N, C-alpha and C. Protein backbone atom coordinates (compact mmCIF):
# COMPACT_ATOMS: atom_id res chain seq x y z
N MET A 1 137.97 172.14 80.33
CA MET A 1 138.22 171.60 81.66
C MET A 1 139.67 171.11 81.75
N SER A 2 140.25 171.29 82.89
CA SER A 2 141.63 170.84 83.08
C SER A 2 141.67 169.33 83.32
N ASN A 3 142.83 168.76 83.04
CA ASN A 3 142.99 167.32 83.26
C ASN A 3 142.84 166.95 84.73
N LEU A 4 143.29 167.83 85.63
CA LEU A 4 143.16 167.53 87.07
C LEU A 4 141.69 167.44 87.47
N PHE A 5 140.86 168.32 86.92
CA PHE A 5 139.44 168.28 87.25
C PHE A 5 138.77 167.06 86.63
N ILE A 6 139.13 166.74 85.40
CA ILE A 6 138.59 165.53 84.77
C ILE A 6 139.01 164.29 85.55
N ALA A 7 140.27 164.25 85.98
CA ALA A 7 140.75 163.13 86.79
C ALA A 7 139.99 163.04 88.10
N PHE A 8 139.73 164.19 88.73
CA PHE A 8 138.95 164.21 89.96
C PHE A 8 137.56 163.63 89.72
N LEU A 9 136.91 164.05 88.65
CA LEU A 9 135.56 163.55 88.35
C LEU A 9 135.57 162.05 88.06
N GLN A 10 136.59 161.58 87.33
CA GLN A 10 136.70 160.15 87.06
C GLN A 10 136.88 159.37 88.36
N ALA A 11 137.77 159.84 89.22
CA ALA A 11 138.02 159.16 90.49
C ALA A 11 136.77 159.21 91.38
N LEU A 12 136.10 160.34 91.41
CA LEU A 12 134.87 160.46 92.18
C LEU A 12 133.81 159.51 91.64
N GLY A 13 133.71 159.39 90.33
CA GLY A 13 132.77 158.44 89.73
C GLY A 13 133.08 157.02 90.14
N LEU A 14 134.35 156.67 90.19
CA LEU A 14 134.74 155.33 90.63
C LEU A 14 134.42 155.11 92.10
N VAL A 15 134.64 156.12 92.93
CA VAL A 15 134.32 156.00 94.35
C VAL A 15 132.81 155.81 94.55
N VAL A 16 132.02 156.58 93.82
CA VAL A 16 130.57 156.46 93.93
C VAL A 16 130.12 155.08 93.45
N TYR A 17 130.65 154.63 92.31
CA TYR A 17 130.28 153.31 91.80
C TYR A 17 130.69 152.20 92.77
N CYS A 18 131.90 152.27 93.30
CA CYS A 18 132.34 151.27 94.28
C CYS A 18 131.48 151.31 95.54
N GLY A 19 131.05 152.51 95.92
CA GLY A 19 130.15 152.63 97.06
C GLY A 19 128.82 151.94 96.81
N LEU A 20 128.30 152.06 95.60
CA LEU A 20 127.04 151.39 95.26
C LEU A 20 127.21 149.87 95.26
N VAL A 21 128.31 149.38 94.71
CA VAL A 21 128.57 147.94 94.73
C VAL A 21 128.78 147.47 96.17
N GLY A 22 129.48 148.27 96.97
CA GLY A 22 129.65 147.94 98.39
C GLY A 22 128.32 147.87 99.13
N LEU A 23 127.40 148.74 98.75
CA LEU A 23 126.06 148.72 99.34
C LEU A 23 125.34 147.41 99.02
N VAL A 24 125.51 146.93 97.79
CA VAL A 24 124.91 145.64 97.41
C VAL A 24 125.53 144.51 98.25
N PHE A 25 126.85 144.54 98.43
CA PHE A 25 127.49 143.52 99.26
C PHE A 25 127.03 143.61 100.71
N TRP A 26 126.92 144.81 101.21
CA TRP A 26 126.55 145.02 102.61
C TRP A 26 125.10 144.61 102.88
N GLN A 27 124.19 144.99 102.00
CA GLN A 27 122.77 144.74 102.23
C GLN A 27 122.21 143.61 101.37
N GLY A 28 123.06 142.92 100.62
CA GLY A 28 122.60 141.90 99.69
C GLY A 28 121.78 140.79 100.32
N GLU A 29 122.23 140.29 101.44
CA GLU A 29 121.48 139.20 102.09
C GLU A 29 120.14 139.70 102.59
N HIS A 30 120.09 140.94 103.05
CA HIS A 30 118.83 141.52 103.51
C HIS A 30 117.86 141.70 102.33
N TRP A 31 118.38 142.16 101.19
CA TRP A 31 117.53 142.41 100.03
C TRP A 31 117.11 141.13 99.32
N PHE A 32 118.07 140.21 99.14
CA PHE A 32 117.82 139.02 98.33
C PHE A 32 117.62 137.75 99.15
N GLY A 33 117.91 137.81 100.44
CA GLY A 33 117.84 136.61 101.27
C GLY A 33 119.13 135.81 101.14
N PRO A 34 119.26 134.77 101.96
CA PRO A 34 120.47 133.95 101.89
C PRO A 34 120.57 133.24 100.53
N MET A 35 121.76 133.18 100.00
CA MET A 35 121.98 132.52 98.72
C MET A 35 122.36 131.07 98.97
N ALA A 36 121.41 130.20 98.79
CA ALA A 36 121.65 128.79 99.08
C ALA A 36 121.68 127.95 97.81
N ASN A 37 121.81 128.61 96.65
CA ASN A 37 121.84 127.84 95.41
C ASN A 37 122.89 128.39 94.47
N PHE A 38 122.84 127.93 93.26
CA PHE A 38 123.80 128.25 92.21
C PHE A 38 123.81 129.73 91.83
N TRP A 39 122.70 130.41 91.96
CA TRP A 39 122.56 131.77 91.43
C TRP A 39 123.29 132.83 92.26
N GLY A 40 123.54 132.59 93.51
CA GLY A 40 124.30 133.55 94.32
C GLY A 40 125.71 133.77 93.80
N PRO A 41 126.49 132.70 93.64
CA PRO A 41 127.84 132.88 93.09
C PRO A 41 127.83 133.40 91.65
N VAL A 42 126.86 132.98 90.86
CA VAL A 42 126.77 133.49 89.49
C VAL A 42 126.53 135.00 89.51
N PHE A 43 125.63 135.46 90.37
CA PHE A 43 125.37 136.89 90.48
C PHE A 43 126.62 137.66 90.87
N LEU A 44 127.36 137.15 91.86
CA LEU A 44 128.57 137.84 92.31
C LEU A 44 129.64 137.89 91.22
N LEU A 45 129.80 136.80 90.47
CA LEU A 45 130.78 136.81 89.39
C LEU A 45 130.36 137.76 88.26
N LEU A 46 129.07 137.77 87.93
CA LEU A 46 128.59 138.70 86.91
C LEU A 46 128.72 140.14 87.37
N LEU A 47 128.46 140.39 88.64
CA LEU A 47 128.64 141.73 89.19
C LEU A 47 130.11 142.13 89.11
N PHE A 48 131.00 141.21 89.39
CA PHE A 48 132.43 141.49 89.31
C PHE A 48 132.84 141.83 87.87
N VAL A 49 132.41 141.03 86.92
CA VAL A 49 132.76 141.25 85.52
C VAL A 49 132.19 142.58 85.03
N ALA A 50 130.93 142.85 85.36
CA ALA A 50 130.32 144.12 84.97
C ALA A 50 131.04 145.29 85.63
N SER A 51 131.46 145.11 86.88
CA SER A 51 132.17 146.17 87.59
C SER A 51 133.51 146.48 86.95
N VAL A 52 134.21 145.45 86.50
CA VAL A 52 135.49 145.68 85.81
C VAL A 52 135.25 146.50 84.55
N LEU A 53 134.23 146.15 83.78
CA LEU A 53 133.94 146.88 82.55
C LEU A 53 133.53 148.32 82.84
N ILE A 54 132.64 148.51 83.79
CA ILE A 54 132.16 149.86 84.13
C ILE A 54 133.31 150.71 84.69
N SER A 55 134.11 150.12 85.57
CA SER A 55 135.26 150.86 86.13
C SER A 55 136.27 151.23 85.04
N SER A 56 136.48 150.33 84.10
CA SER A 56 137.39 150.63 82.99
C SER A 56 136.86 151.77 82.14
N LEU A 57 135.56 151.77 81.88
CA LEU A 57 134.98 152.85 81.09
C LEU A 57 135.07 154.18 81.83
N ILE A 58 134.82 154.18 83.13
CA ILE A 58 134.90 155.43 83.89
C ILE A 58 136.32 155.95 83.95
N GLY A 59 137.26 155.08 84.25
CA GLY A 59 138.64 155.53 84.46
C GLY A 59 139.48 155.64 83.21
N LEU A 60 139.16 154.88 82.17
CA LEU A 60 140.02 154.85 80.99
C LEU A 60 139.35 155.29 79.70
N GLY A 61 138.05 155.55 79.75
CA GLY A 61 137.33 155.91 78.53
C GLY A 61 137.88 157.15 77.86
N TYR A 62 137.94 158.25 78.58
CA TYR A 62 138.44 159.50 78.00
C TYR A 62 139.94 159.44 77.68
N PRO A 63 140.78 158.85 78.55
CA PRO A 63 142.18 158.73 78.15
C PRO A 63 142.39 157.92 76.87
N ILE A 64 141.56 156.92 76.63
CA ILE A 64 141.67 156.15 75.39
C ILE A 64 141.33 157.03 74.19
N ILE A 65 140.30 157.87 74.34
CA ILE A 65 139.95 158.80 73.26
C ILE A 65 141.11 159.76 73.00
N LEU A 66 141.69 160.28 74.09
CA LEU A 66 142.84 161.18 73.92
C LEU A 66 144.01 160.46 73.24
N PHE A 67 144.24 159.22 73.63
CA PHE A 67 145.40 158.48 73.13
C PHE A 67 145.26 158.13 71.66
N TRP A 68 144.13 157.55 71.26
CA TRP A 68 144.01 157.05 69.91
C TRP A 68 143.40 158.04 68.92
N GLU A 69 142.36 158.72 69.31
CA GLU A 69 141.68 159.59 68.36
C GLU A 69 142.33 160.97 68.25
N LYS A 70 142.69 161.55 69.39
CA LYS A 70 143.25 162.90 69.37
C LYS A 70 144.77 162.90 69.34
N LYS A 71 145.38 161.73 69.42
CA LYS A 71 146.85 161.58 69.37
C LYS A 71 147.57 162.40 70.44
N GLN A 72 146.92 162.58 71.59
CA GLN A 72 147.52 163.30 72.71
C GLN A 72 147.99 162.29 73.75
N ARG A 73 149.02 161.56 73.40
CA ARG A 73 149.46 160.43 74.22
C ARG A 73 149.96 160.87 75.59
N VAL A 74 150.72 161.93 75.64
CA VAL A 74 151.25 162.40 76.93
C VAL A 74 150.11 162.86 77.83
N GLU A 75 149.16 163.59 77.28
CA GLU A 75 148.01 164.05 78.07
C GLU A 75 147.18 162.87 78.57
N ALA A 76 147.04 161.84 77.75
CA ALA A 76 146.29 160.66 78.16
C ALA A 76 146.96 159.97 79.34
N LEU A 77 148.27 159.82 79.26
CA LEU A 77 149.00 159.19 80.36
C LEU A 77 148.97 160.04 81.63
N LYS A 78 149.08 161.35 81.46
CA LYS A 78 148.98 162.24 82.62
C LYS A 78 147.61 162.12 83.28
N LEU A 79 146.57 161.99 82.47
CA LEU A 79 145.21 161.86 83.00
C LEU A 79 145.05 160.55 83.79
N VAL A 80 145.61 159.47 83.28
CA VAL A 80 145.54 158.19 84.00
C VAL A 80 146.28 158.30 85.33
N VAL A 81 147.46 158.91 85.32
CA VAL A 81 148.24 159.07 86.56
C VAL A 81 147.49 159.97 87.54
N ALA A 82 146.91 161.06 87.05
CA ALA A 82 146.17 161.97 87.92
C ALA A 82 144.94 161.29 88.51
N THR A 83 144.26 160.47 87.72
CA THR A 83 143.11 159.73 88.23
C THR A 83 143.55 158.76 89.33
N ALA A 84 144.67 158.08 89.11
CA ALA A 84 145.20 157.16 90.12
C ALA A 84 145.58 157.92 91.39
N ALA A 85 146.13 159.11 91.24
CA ALA A 85 146.50 159.91 92.41
C ALA A 85 145.26 160.33 93.18
N TRP A 86 144.22 160.79 92.48
CA TRP A 86 142.97 161.14 93.15
C TRP A 86 142.37 159.93 93.87
N LEU A 87 142.42 158.76 93.20
CA LEU A 87 141.90 157.55 93.86
C LEU A 87 142.69 157.23 95.13
N ALA A 88 144.00 157.38 95.07
CA ALA A 88 144.82 157.13 96.26
C ALA A 88 144.44 158.11 97.38
N LEU A 89 144.18 159.35 97.02
CA LEU A 89 143.76 160.33 98.02
C LEU A 89 142.41 159.95 98.63
N PHE A 90 141.48 159.53 97.79
CA PHE A 90 140.18 159.08 98.30
C PHE A 90 140.34 157.88 99.24
N VAL A 91 141.22 156.96 98.88
CA VAL A 91 141.46 155.79 99.74
C VAL A 91 142.01 156.25 101.09
N LEU A 92 142.95 157.18 101.08
CA LEU A 92 143.50 157.69 102.34
C LEU A 92 142.43 158.36 103.20
N VAL A 93 141.56 159.12 102.58
CA VAL A 93 140.47 159.77 103.32
C VAL A 93 139.56 158.71 103.94
N ILE A 94 139.22 157.68 103.17
CA ILE A 94 138.35 156.62 103.69
C ILE A 94 139.04 155.87 104.84
N VAL A 95 140.34 155.60 104.70
CA VAL A 95 141.07 154.94 105.78
C VAL A 95 141.08 155.81 107.03
N LEU A 96 141.29 157.10 106.88
CA LEU A 96 141.26 157.99 108.03
C LEU A 96 139.88 158.01 108.69
N ILE A 97 138.83 158.02 107.89
CA ILE A 97 137.48 157.97 108.44
C ILE A 97 137.27 156.68 109.22
N LEU A 98 137.76 155.56 108.69
CA LEU A 98 137.60 154.27 109.37
C LEU A 98 138.42 154.22 110.67
N VAL A 99 139.58 154.82 110.66
CA VAL A 99 140.44 154.80 111.85
C VAL A 99 139.84 155.69 112.94
N VAL A 100 139.32 156.84 112.55
CA VAL A 100 138.78 157.78 113.53
C VAL A 100 137.46 157.27 114.14
N SER A 101 136.66 156.63 113.32
CA SER A 101 135.33 156.19 113.85
C SER A 101 135.38 154.86 114.54
């Protein structure tokens, strides 16, 4: 597989994961009810921490393997840049969808 396709899949995985987390934010009060105690903020902070870890694994897992295990440092950096470029493109598409609708 080419690095551009791997970067596309990584970026798509991040978009899908962010969409799922956004769904929890959007429908959270409907699903869980109003958060009137200590556990609401704890849940949101834990979700944030878990999201950082999951997003890091999706976006940086394979580049880290390329960098340290396969010693392909340039390819690893290119993959990170390509993933960031795909993410920027996805953001632009989402912004256009929001502006048009």
